[in-house]
Amino acid sequence: MRGLYRPAGGESELRARLQEICEKVSAAVNRGVRYIVLSDRDSSAAWAPIPSLLLTSAVHHHLLKSSNRTRVSLIIESGDAREVHHIALLIGYGASAINPYLALESVEQMAENGELPGVDGSQASANLIKALGKGVLKIMSKMGISTVSSYCGAQTFEAVGLSQRVVDQYFTGTATKLSGIELDVVAAEAAA
């Protein structure tokens, strides 16, 4: 399922597209689909990527509200997941698997350009995957969580810089002490 929206429509288009994706995911789950791929590939000037954390959390909470969450795995194909914390957040908000395609393509290109001496493209990708995996395990162990299934969807984070309204709608149950931006700013940044 494409995690893209038309940026010309601003916040209202982003909200409508998130709702449309959630409804399509529910319909697919009701048809018996067990794996949903949410992807931000193929973005363009006409179709901007929805931030992967916002998309993942919106779908995760929609499925929780409809009592369908345990019936499906969410696989995230993300261009904005580049570091360990991004991966940890996506898993913490419901991702079962993540393909950080842009980060993988970047390290492959760096290896091919000679920026990573003695490493070829496939080894660079393998190194990134290993580093991201070890990083997530380290985060989990510091929190006292021993299995990925216990961490997946656990929302063991605090939201900083998002308004209470955005947190309540798309990150339900997440603690937030500091308010911040509304969805219109998120839409504007994604469009940029």
Protein backbone atom coordinates (compact mmCIF):
# COMPACT_ATOMS: atom_id res chain seq x y z
CA MET A 1 0.00 0.00 0.00
CA ARG A 2 1.45 3.35 -1.02
CA GLY A 3 2.09 5.73 1.86
CA LEU A 4 1.89 8.80 -0.33
CA TYR A 5 -0.45 11.80 -0.43
CA ARG A 6 -0.98 14.83 -2.65
CA PRO A 7 0.88 17.69 -0.91
CA ALA A 8 -1.10 20.37 -2.74
CA GLY A 9 -4.06 19.48 -0.50
CA GLY A 10 -2.10 20.19 2.70
CA GLU A 11 -3.24 18.94 6.08
CA SER A 12 -6.75 17.97 4.96
CA GLU A 13 -5.34 15.79 2.17
CA LEU A 14 -2.87 14.16 4.57
CA ARG A 15 -5.66 13.38 7.05
CA ALA A 16 -7.92 12.05 4.30
CA ARG A 17 -5.16 9.89 2.83
CA LEU A 18 -4.28 8.43 6.25
CA GLN A 19 -7.95 7.56 6.77
CA GLU A 20 -8.19 6.05 3.28
CA ILE A 21 -5.09 3.89 3.86
CA CYS A 22 -6.44 2.73 7.23
CA GLU A 23 -9.75 1.73 5.64
CA LYS A 24 -7.99 -0.12 2.79
CA VAL A 25 -5.83 -1.98 5.31
CA SER A 26 -8.93 -3.00 7.30
CA ALA A 27 -10.64 -4.21 4.14
CA ALA A 28 -7.56 -6.24 3.20
CA VAL A 29 -7.38 -7.79 6.67
CA ASN A 30 -11.08 -8.69 6.47
CA ARG A 31 -10.35 -10.42 3.12
CA GLY A 32 -7.73 -12.56 4.86
CA VAL A 33 -4.52 -10.68 4.00
CA ARG A 34 -1.89 -11.40 6.68
CA TYR A 35 0.97 -9.13 5.56
CA ILE A 36 0.56 -5.46 4.69
CA VAL A 37 3.44 -3.54 3.11
CA LEU A 38 3.28 0.21 3.72
CA SER A 39 5.69 1.89 1.32
CA ASP A 40 6.76 5.45 0.59
CA ARG A 41 8.54 4.53 -2.65
CA ASP A 42 7.84 6.41 -5.87
CA SER A 43 7.28 9.79 -4.27
CA SER A 44 7.28 12.75 -6.64
CA ALA A 45 6.31 16.40 -6.76
CA ALA A 46 2.69 15.28 -7.09
CA TRP A 47 2.87 12.53 -4.44
CA ALA A 48 4.78 13.26 -1.22
CA PRO A 49 5.72 10.53 1.27
CA ILE A 50 3.76 10.32 4.49
CA PRO A 51 6.30 10.17 7.34
CA SER A 52 6.70 6.46 8.02
CA LEU A 53 6.27 6.73 11.79
CA LEU A 54 3.00 8.65 11.39
CA LEU A 55 1.74 6.13 8.82
CA THR A 56 2.78 3.10 10.87
CA SER A 57 1.25 4.39 14.08
CA ALA A 58 -1.98 5.50 12.36
CA VAL A 59 -2.50 2.06 10.79
CA HIS A 60 -1.45 0.24 13.98
CA HIS A 61 -3.94 2.18 16.12
CA HIS A 62 -6.69 1.86 13.53
CA LEU A 63 -6.24 -1.92 13.59
CA LEU A 64 -6.22 -1.93 17.40
CA LYS A 65 -9.51 0.01 17.49
CA SER A 66 -11.11 -2.44 15.05
CA SER A 67 -9.76 -5.48 16.97
CA ASN A 68 -7.82 -6.68 13.93
CA ARG A 69 -4.24 -5.91 14.97
CA THR A 70 -3.23 -9.48 15.80
CA ARG A 71 -4.45 -10.72 12.43
CA VAL A 72 -1.82 -8.91 10.33
CA SER A 73 1.86 -8.01 10.23
CA LEU A 74 2.91 -4.54 9.12
CA ILE A 75 5.99 -4.38 6.89
CA ILE A 76 7.36 -0.88 6.41
CA GLU A 77 9.33 0.12 3.32
CA SER A 78 10.77 3.47 4.33
CA GLY A 79 13.04 6.07 2.84
CA ASP A 80 13.11 8.14 6.03
CA ALA A 81 14.38 5.37 8.35
CA ARG A 82 18.12 5.96 8.43
CA GLU A 83 19.36 5.29 11.93
CA VAL A 84 18.80 2.96 14.87
CA HIS A 85 16.35 5.26 16.65
CA HIS A 86 14.14 5.46 13.55
CA ILE A 87 14.01 1.66 13.35
CA ALA A 88 13.33 1.37 17.09
CA LEU A 89 10.44 3.84 16.82
CA LEU A 90 8.88 2.02 13.88
CA ILE A 91 9.00 -1.31 15.72
CA GLY A 92 7.76 0.33 18.91
CA TYR A 93 4.74 1.64 17.02
CA GLY A 94 3.80 -1.62 15.34
CA ALA A 95 6.17 -2.49 12.48
CA SER A 96 6.91 -6.21 12.22
CA ALA A 97 9.67 -5.69 9.65
CA ILE A 98 11.36 -2.67 8.07
CA ASN A 99 13.09 -2.18 4.74
CA PRO A 100 15.14 1.03 5.04
CA TYR A 101 15.66 1.03 1.27
CA LEU A 102 17.16 4.50 0.93
CA ALA A 103 19.76 3.87 3.66
CA LEU A 104 20.65 0.54 2.03
CA GLU A 105 20.96 2.12 -1.43
CA SER A 106 23.08 4.92 0.07
CA VAL A 107 25.65 2.62 1.71
CA GLU A 108 25.81 0.49 -1.44
CA GLN A 109 26.56 3.59 -3.51
CA MET A 110 29.13 4.79 -0.98
CA ALA A 111 30.91 1.43 -1.24
CA GLU A 112 30.81 1.51 -5.04
CA ASN A 113 32.22 5.07 -5.04
CA GLY A 114 35.13 3.96 -2.85
CA GLU A 115 34.01 5.94 0.19
CA LEU A 116 34.08 2.74 2.26
CA PRO A 117 37.51 1.24 1.51
CA GLY A 118 37.67 -2.55 1.36
CA VAL A 119 33.89 -2.98 1.42
CA ASP A 120 31.69 -3.86 -1.54
CA GLY A 121 28.02 -2.91 -1.89
CA SER A 122 26.56 -6.14 -0.54
CA GLN A 123 28.92 -6.12 2.46
CA ALA A 124 28.04 -2.48 3.18
CA SER A 125 24.32 -3.39 3.19
CA ALA A 126 24.95 -6.39 5.43
CA ASN A 127 26.96 -4.21 7.82
CA LEU A 128 24.15 -1.65 8.01
CA ILE A 129 21.52 -4.31 8.67
CA LYS A 130 23.68 -5.85 11.40
CA ALA A 131 24.34 -2.45 13.01
CA LEU A 132 20.65 -1.52 12.98
CA GLY A 133 19.68 -4.90 14.47
CA LYS A 134 22.29 -4.71 17.22
CA GLY A 135 21.27 -1.13 17.98
CA VAL A 136 17.62 -2.06 18.41
CA LEU A 137 18.59 -4.98 20.66
CA LYS A 138 20.70 -2.62 22.78
CA ILE A 139 17.78 -0.20 23.16
CA MET A 140 15.48 -3.05 24.13
CA SER A 141 17.94 -4.49 26.67
CA LYS A 142 18.37 -1.08 28.35
CA MET A 143 14.58 -0.96 28.73
CA GLY A 144 14.47 -4.47 30.17
CA ILE A 145 12.64 -5.91 27.15
CA SER A 146 13.93 -9.31 26.10
CA THR A 147 11.97 -10.14 22.92
CA VAL A 148 11.10 -8.18 19.80
CA SER A 149 7.49 -9.36 20.06
CA SER A 150 7.25 -7.68 23.48
CA TYR A 151 8.68 -4.48 22.02
CA CYS A 152 6.58 -4.41 18.84
CA GLY A 153 3.76 -1.93 19.36
CA ALA A 154 4.70 -1.31 23.01
CA GLN A 155 5.02 2.48 22.52
CA THR A 156 7.68 2.86 25.19
CA PHE A 157 8.40 6.41 24.09
CA GLU A 158 7.41 9.94 24.99
CA ALA A 159 6.29 12.36 22.28
CA VAL A 160 8.13 15.68 22.29
CA GLY A 161 7.14 18.49 19.95
CA LEU A 162 3.77 17.18 18.77
CA SER A 163 0.47 18.70 19.80
CA GLN A 164 -1.75 16.73 22.15
CA ARG A 165 -4.36 16.51 19.38
CA VAL A 166 -1.91 14.81 16.96
CA VAL A 167 -0.68 12.46 19.71
CA ASP A 168 -4.25 11.54 20.72
CA GLN A 169 -5.31 10.81 17.15
CA TYR A 170 -2.25 9.07 15.68
CA PHE A 171 -0.09 8.02 18.65
CA THR A 172 -2.85 7.10 21.10
CA GLY A 173 -1.59 6.32 24.59
CA THR A 174 1.82 7.92 24.12
CA ALA A 175 2.90 10.18 26.97
CA THR A 176 3.59 13.80 26.09
CA LYS A 177 4.54 16.57 28.48
CA LEU A 178 5.47 19.21 25.90
CA SER A 179 3.06 20.25 23.20
CA GLY A 180 4.15 21.25 19.74
CA ILE A 181 3.30 21.18 16.07
CA GLU A 182 -0.01 20.29 14.51
CA LEU A 183 -0.51 18.06 11.47
CA ASP A 184 -0.42 21.08 9.13
CA VAL A 185 3.30 21.54 9.89
CA VAL A 186 3.93 17.82 9.38
CA ALA A 187 2.18 18.06 6.00
CA ALA A 188 4.17 21.14 5.01
CA GLU A 189 7.49 19.50 5.96
CA ALA A 190 6.61 16.31 4.07
CA ALA A 191 5.63 18.36 1.05
CA ALA A 192 8.91 20.29 1.15
